[in-house]
């Protein structure tokens, strides 16, 4: 049985533990805060029960038995095939923990970070084992949203990325290779482009925040839940992707010239926040987050059924 070490028992660390344990890996989880570590199994059990109710886990207790808390970092990553770090988003913390992990993990173990914003080159350059280090950036929660972005530093060897892709596929994830380092990786850059235009459209008075959300939820989001933008346009013109670009390329070029301001959110955030508060009071955020996760579970179960058909 392959062993995976999880470093950090917070939200993302617990979620990764579910991903790997559900796939049959032996998971050892550690956190520098003993209270967080002790509380992690209870939270994981609650999420596993939710996944069982959604048809995404058959035996929560069996999955939970695959996860063992460890009191030291050395115990958590010793003998591991793969280590997933999930500590706070600061370069200095990443440097320190990766230096420790590089000295403690087996020489052939992969060392990956869940960071959503810091490139691997910023915290692995001085390591003796830097060739085995990379970013494996998940989308929260990874046990419901399977895409994971793999991005190495300039010195990360291709075998590290290839082995990580294979391991993620074994774990039921959908790995994407980022060919070279770029700020925000891929998903956040795409999300950022959409958010900037969303804020701009609200600021200029073309649409309300609520109606803009409806445009995505009941429009683009329906297609994007099972195919990406290139496949979408390939299917939306009689002659495929080239035909689509010839038909609509001039329109998108004109629109792009109108999108020069990269920070529209700074001027309209008060309005968007006020509108969101009318739709969803802050006191109801946690309840709505639970609703969101259950919707994601239902969607994940549906997609799994369709893929197996």
Protein backbone atom coordinates (compact mmCIF):
# COMPACT_ATOMS: atom_id res chain seq x y z
CA UNK A 1 0.00 0.00 0.00
CA UNK A 2 1.47 3.38 -0.99
CA UNK A 3 1.93 5.94 1.76
CA UNK A 4 1.13 9.63 1.39
CA UNK A 5 2.25 12.18 3.95
CA UNK A 6 -0.02 15.17 4.61
CA UNK A 7 1.68 18.18 6.20
CA UNK A 8 -0.87 20.52 7.75
CA UNK A 9 -4.26 19.42 9.10
CA UNK A 10 -6.25 22.50 8.14
CA UNK A 11 -9.03 22.72 5.58
CA UNK A 12 -6.96 21.71 2.55
CA UNK A 13 -4.86 19.13 4.39
CA UNK A 14 -7.96 17.34 5.64
CA UNK A 15 -9.47 17.43 2.16
CA UNK A 16 -6.34 15.90 0.62
CA UNK A 17 -6.40 13.19 3.28
CA UNK A 18 -9.90 12.25 2.12
CA UNK A 19 -8.80 12.20 -1.54
CA UNK A 20 -5.92 9.81 -0.96
CA UNK A 21 -7.55 7.61 1.67
CA UNK A 22 -10.67 7.19 -0.47
CA UNK A 23 -8.42 5.92 -3.26
CA UNK A 24 -6.78 3.32 -1.01
CA UNK A 25 -3.58 5.09 -0.03
CA UNK A 26 -2.28 4.91 3.53
CA UNK A 27 -2.35 8.52 4.76
CA UNK A 28 -0.24 9.90 7.60
CA UNK A 29 -1.22 13.43 8.64
CA UNK A 30 0.74 15.86 10.81
CA UNK A 31 0.29 19.41 12.04
CA UNK A 32 2.47 21.61 14.22
CA UNK A 33 -0.63 22.44 16.27
CA UNK A 34 -1.64 19.32 18.25
CA UNK A 35 -5.18 20.68 18.76
CA UNK A 36 -5.70 21.02 15.03
CA UNK A 37 -4.32 17.54 14.48
CA UNK A 38 -6.56 16.00 17.15
CA UNK A 39 -9.64 17.71 15.73
CA UNK A 40 -8.90 16.72 12.13
CA UNK A 41 -10.23 13.15 12.24
CA UNK A 42 -13.61 14.25 13.59
CA UNK A 43 -14.00 16.79 10.82
CA UNK A 44 -12.87 14.25 8.23
CA UNK A 45 -15.42 11.74 9.54
CA UNK A 46 -18.21 14.31 9.15
CA UNK A 47 -17.19 14.98 5.52
CA UNK A 48 -17.00 11.25 4.80
CA UNK A 49 -20.51 10.76 6.14
CA UNK A 50 -21.72 13.53 3.79
CA UNK A 51 -19.93 11.81 0.89
CA UNK A 52 -21.60 8.51 1.74
CA UNK A 53 -25.00 10.18 1.72
CA UNK A 54 -24.19 11.53 -1.74
CA UNK A 55 -23.12 8.10 -3.01
CA UNK A 56 -19.46 9.11 -3.33
CA UNK A 57 -18.08 6.87 -0.57
CA UNK A 58 -19.24 3.34 0.19
CA UNK A 59 -17.69 2.79 3.63
CA UNK A 60 -16.65 5.96 5.53
CA UNK A 61 -15.19 3.96 8.41
CA UNK A 62 -12.92 2.02 6.06
CA UNK A 63 -11.68 5.27 4.51
CA UNK A 64 -11.13 6.79 7.95
CA UNK A 65 -9.01 3.79 8.98
CA UNK A 66 -6.62 4.66 6.15
CA UNK A 67 -5.81 7.99 7.86
CA UNK A 68 -3.50 8.10 10.86
CA UNK A 69 -2.41 11.24 12.73
CA UNK A 70 1.30 11.46 13.49
CA UNK A 71 2.88 13.47 16.31
CA UNK A 72 6.05 14.37 14.41
CA UNK A 73 6.84 15.43 10.86
CA UNK A 74 9.35 12.62 10.55
CA UNK A 75 6.71 10.01 11.39
CA UNK A 76 4.28 11.52 8.89
CA UNK A 77 6.59 11.57 5.88
CA UNK A 78 8.99 8.74 6.65
CA UNK A 79 8.49 5.99 4.08
CA UNK A 80 6.12 8.15 2.03
CA UNK A 81 5.91 7.91 -1.75
CA UNK A 82 4.44 11.41 -1.94
CA UNK A 83 4.13 14.37 0.45
CA UNK A 84 1.52 17.14 0.17
CA UNK A 85 2.28 20.32 2.14
CA UNK A 86 -0.63 22.58 3.17
CA UNK A 87 0.81 25.29 5.43
CA UNK A 88 0.05 29.05 5.31
CA UNK A 89 0.74 31.06 2.14
CA UNK A 90 4.05 32.70 3.01
CA UNK A 91 7.38 32.10 1.29
CA UNK A 92 9.36 31.82 4.53
CA UNK A 93 7.06 29.14 5.95
CA UNK A 94 7.29 27.20 2.69
CA UNK A 95 11.09 27.46 2.67
CA UNK A 96 11.40 26.20 6.22
CA UNK A 97 9.04 23.26 5.86
CA UNK A 98 10.45 22.17 2.51
CA UNK A 99 13.97 22.25 3.93
CA UNK A 100 12.78 20.00 6.77
CA UNK A 101 10.89 17.69 4.44
CA UNK A 102 13.84 17.43 2.05
CA UNK A 103 15.96 16.16 4.92
CA UNK A 104 13.40 13.73 6.34
CA UNK A 105 11.52 12.23 3.39
CA UNK A 106 12.84 9.24 1.43
CA UNK A 107 15.17 10.27 -1.37
CA UNK A 108 12.71 9.22 -4.07
CA UNK A 109 9.62 10.79 -2.49
CA UNK A 110 7.88 13.64 -4.32
CA UNK A 111 7.46 16.86 -2.32
CA UNK A 112 4.47 18.96 -3.39
CA UNK A 113 2.87 22.16 -2.13
CA UNK A 114 -0.82 23.08 -2.26
CA UNK A 115 0.01 26.77 -2.65
CA UNK A 116 -2.36 28.72 -4.87
CA UNK A 117 -0.05 31.68 -5.48
CA UNK A 118 3.63 30.99 -4.74
CA UNK A 119 5.79 29.37 -7.45
CA UNK A 120 7.91 26.39 -6.43
CA UNK A 121 11.06 28.28 -7.45
CA UNK A 122 10.47 30.73 -4.59
CA UNK A 123 10.97 28.12 -1.86
CA UNK A 124 12.92 25.17 -3.31
CA UNK A 125 15.98 26.69 -5.03
CA UNK A 126 18.48 25.95 -2.24
CA UNK A 127 17.33 22.38 -1.58
CA UNK A 128 19.53 19.40 -2.35
CA UNK A 129 16.42 17.56 -3.56
CA UNK A 130 14.89 20.46 -5.45
CA UNK A 131 14.44 18.35 -8.60
CA UNK A 132 11.67 16.39 -6.83
CA UNK A 133 9.69 19.45 -5.72
CA UNK A 134 6.66 21.04 -7.38
CA UNK A 135 3.32 22.72 -6.78
CA UNK A 136 0.17 20.57 -6.82
CA UNK A 137 -2.53 23.21 -6.54
CA UNK A 138 -6.03 21.85 -5.82
CA UNK A 139 -9.43 23.48 -6.03
CA UNK A 140 -11.29 23.46 -2.74
CA UNK A 141 -12.51 20.93 -1.85
CA UNK A 142 -10.40 18.50 -3.92
CA UNK A 143 -12.52 15.49 -2.96
CA UNK A 144 -15.38 17.12 -4.91
CA UNK A 145 -13.53 19.17 -7.55
CA UNK A 146 -10.84 16.90 -8.98
CA UNK A 147 -8.68 19.23 -11.07
CA UNK A 148 -5.16 19.75 -9.68
CA UNK A 149 -2.58 22.00 -11.32
CA UNK A 150 0.97 20.60 -11.42
CA UNK A 151 3.69 23.20 -11.83
CA UNK A 152 7.38 22.56 -11.34
CA UNK A 153 10.25 25.01 -10.92
CA UNK A 154 12.85 25.36 -13.68
CA UNK A 155 14.89 22.63 -11.96
CA UNK A 156 12.02 20.18 -11.39
CA UNK A 157 12.81 17.10 -13.50
CA UNK A 158 10.14 15.84 -15.93
CA UNK A 159 9.95 12.52 -14.07
CA UNK A 160 8.69 14.32 -10.96
CA UNK A 161 5.78 15.81 -12.88
CA UNK A 162 5.06 12.54 -14.71
CA UNK A 163 5.03 10.54 -11.46
CA UNK A 164 2.78 13.11 -9.79
CA UNK A 165 0.33 13.01 -12.71
CA UNK A 166 0.20 9.21 -12.46
CA UNK A 167 -0.33 9.34 -8.69
CA UNK A 168 -3.09 11.93 -8.98
CA UNK A 169 -4.85 9.81 -11.57
CA UNK A 170 -4.61 6.82 -9.22
CA UNK A 171 -6.23 9.03 -6.57
CA UNK A 172 -9.12 9.88 -8.90
CA UNK A 173 -8.03 13.46 -9.59
CA UNK A 174 -7.78 15.29 -12.92
CA UNK A 175 -4.18 16.56 -13.15
CA UNK A 176 -3.26 19.46 -15.43
CA UNK A 177 0.38 20.25 -16.21
CA UNK A 178 1.38 23.92 -16.18
CA UNK A 179 4.28 23.88 -18.63
CA UNK A 180 6.23 26.66 -16.90
CA UNK A 181 5.75 28.92 -13.90
CA UNK A 182 3.21 31.73 -14.19
CA UNK A 183 1.59 33.84 -11.48
CA UNK A 184 -1.75 32.36 -10.42
CA UNK A 185 -1.22 29.20 -12.48
CA UNK A 186 -4.07 28.49 -14.93
CA UNK A 187 -7.35 28.29 -13.02
CA UNK A 188 -6.89 31.51 -11.07
CA UNK A 189 -5.92 33.42 -14.21
CA UNK A 190 -9.07 32.26 -15.98
CA UNK A 191 -11.19 32.99 -12.92
CA UNK A 192 -9.54 36.40 -12.54
CA UNK A 193 -10.30 37.37 -16.15
CA UNK A 194 -13.97 36.51 -15.67
CA UNK A 195 -14.17 38.32 -12.32
CA UNK A 196 -12.60 41.47 -13.71
CA UNK A 197 -15.15 41.63 -16.50
CA UNK A 198 -17.97 40.81 -14.06
CA UNK A 199 -17.02 43.73 -11.79
CA UNK A 200 -16.64 46.01 -14.81
CA UNK A 201 -20.11 45.18 -16.15
CA UNK A 202 -21.65 45.89 -12.75
CA UNK A 203 -19.69 49.11 -12.29
CA UNK A 204 -20.77 50.45 -15.68
CA UNK A 205 -24.41 49.73 -14.94
CA UNK A 206 -25.04 46.99 -17.50
CA UNK A 207 -26.23 44.34 -15.03
CA UNK A 208 -26.85 43.73 -11.33
CA UNK A 209 -24.57 41.37 -9.36
CA UNK A 210 -27.45 38.92 -8.91
CA UNK A 211 -28.29 38.81 -12.62
CA UNK A 212 -24.63 38.43 -13.52
CA UNK A 213 -24.43 35.38 -11.24
CA UNK A 214 -27.51 33.98 -12.98
CA UNK A 215 -25.80 34.42 -16.35
CA UNK A 216 -23.02 32.09 -15.27
CA UNK A 217 -25.05 29.65 -13.14
CA UNK A 218 -27.80 29.18 -15.75
CA UNK A 219 -25.72 29.86 -18.86
CA UNK A 220 -22.00 29.37 -19.27
CA UNK A 221 -21.71 27.30 -16.10
CA UNK A 222 -24.00 24.57 -17.39
CA UNK A 223 -21.72 23.86 -20.35
CA UNK A 224 -18.55 24.44 -18.40
CA UNK A 225 -19.52 21.81 -15.83
CA UNK A 226 -18.58 19.08 -18.31
CA UNK A 227 -16.50 20.72 -21.06
CA UNK A 228 -14.05 23.57 -21.42
CA UNK A 229 -14.10 26.75 -23.54
CA UNK A 230 -12.24 25.29 -26.52
CA UNK A 231 -14.59 22.33 -26.81
CA UNK A 232 -17.52 24.68 -26.26
CA UNK A 233 -16.67 26.84 -29.27
CA UNK A 234 -15.67 23.81 -31.34
CA UNK A 235 -19.26 22.57 -30.97
CA UNK A 236 -20.89 25.98 -31.42
CA UNK A 237 -20.13 26.57 -35.10
CA UNK A 238 -20.87 24.30 -38.08
CA UNK A 239 -17.21 24.15 -39.07
CA UNK A 240 -15.73 23.82 -35.60
CA UNK A 241 -13.25 25.98 -33.74
CA UNK A 242 -11.76 27.79 -36.77
CA UNK A 243 -15.21 28.59 -38.12
CA UNK A 244 -16.22 29.96 -34.70
CA UNK A 245 -13.15 32.19 -34.51
CA UNK A 246 -13.71 33.53 -38.00
CA UNK A 247 -17.33 34.34 -37.15
CA UNK A 248 -16.85 35.85 -33.70
CA UNK A 249 -13.16 36.74 -33.50
CA UNK A 250 -13.73 40.41 -34.50
CA UNK A 251 -16.39 40.76 -31.77
CA UNK A 252 -14.08 39.39 -29.08
CA UNK A 253 -11.22 41.57 -30.33
CA UNK A 254 -13.40 44.69 -29.98
CA UNK A 255 -14.49 43.61 -26.50
CA UNK A 256 -10.88 42.98 -25.43
CA UNK A 257 -9.93 46.55 -26.37
CA UNK A 258 -12.57 47.77 -23.91
CA UNK A 259 -11.04 45.81 -21.01
CA UNK A 260 -7.86 47.80 -20.39
CA UNK A 261 -8.50 48.59 -16.68
CA UNK A 262 -7.27 45.61 -14.66
CA UNK A 263 -8.76 46.66 -11.28
CA UNK A 264 -12.47 47.49 -11.63
CA UNK A 265 -13.31 45.70 -8.39
CA UNK A 266 -11.71 48.46 -6.32
CA UNK A 267 -14.42 50.93 -7.32
CA UNK A 268 -17.47 48.68 -7.18
CA UNK A 269 -16.81 46.28 -4.32
CA UNK A 270 -19.09 48.23 -1.93
CA UNK A 271 -22.03 47.84 -4.30
CA UNK A 272 -21.39 44.16 -4.96
CA UNK A 273 -21.05 43.48 -1.23
CA UNK A 274 -24.26 45.35 -0.45
CA UNK A 275 -26.16 43.44 -3.15
CA UNK A 276 -24.77 40.13 -1.93
CA UNK A 277 -25.80 40.98 1.64
CA UNK A 278 -29.38 41.50 0.45
CA UNK A 279 -29.38 38.11 -1.23
CA UNK A 280 -27.42 36.31 1.49
CA UNK A 281 -26.92 37.83 4.96
CA UNK A 282 -23.44 37.22 6.38
CA UNK A 283 -25.01 35.19 9.20
CA UNK A 284 -26.17 32.65 6.59
CA UNK A 285 -22.79 32.14 4.86
CA UNK A 286 -21.96 28.88 6.62
CA UNK A 287 -25.38 27.43 5.82
CA UNK A 288 -25.04 28.40 2.17
CA UNK A 289 -21.52 26.92 2.04
CA UNK A 290 -22.97 23.62 3.21
CA UNK A 291 -25.63 23.90 0.49
CA UNK A 292 -22.90 24.55 -2.09
CA UNK A 293 -20.91 21.50 -1.03
CA UNK A 294 -23.98 19.26 -1.20
CA UNK A 295 -24.76 20.57 -4.68
CA UNK A 296 -21.19 19.82 -5.67
CA UNK A 297 -21.56 16.30 -4.26
CA UNK A 298 -24.70 15.74 -6.30
CA UNK A 299 -22.97 17.02 -9.43
CA UNK A 300 -19.90 14.87 -8.78
CA UNK A 301 -22.10 11.80 -8.31
CA UNK A 302 -23.98 12.57 -11.54
CA UNK A 303 -20.75 13.03 -13.51
CA UNK A 304 -19.35 9.79 -12.15
CA UNK A 305 -22.52 7.94 -13.18
CA UNK A 306 -22.36 9.44 -16.69
CA UNK A 307 -18.69 8.49 -17.07
CA UNK A 308 -19.42 4.92 -16.02
CA UNK A 309 -22.37 4.55 -18.38
